[in-house]
Amino acid sequence: MTLNRKRDYFNELAPRWDQIPSPPDTPERLSRLAARCPAGGKRVLDVGCGTGILLAHFARSGTPPEQIVELDVAEAMLLENR
């Protein structure tokens, strides 16, 4: 699939992305991922951030990063994230 087709696909799904069921262990896996970031880390780069699912997990961690930079190929995902 070309980059443009992927972008179009995810742009189309963006408004309902957060309502699509995810695997039951997703919250636990995301919490473990956020916990593995160095305590007191200054910056996190979230490539393929989508609608920003990691943000809540970083916020709940004991020492969230000072700055999170999010990138996604689908502009609509970033708008939903905002």
Foldseek 3Di string as FASTA:
>chain_A
DDLVVVQVVLLVCQVCVVVPDDPPCVVVVLLVVLQPPDAAAAEAEAEQCFLNPNPVSLVPDPHRHNYYHYYHSHPNSVVNND
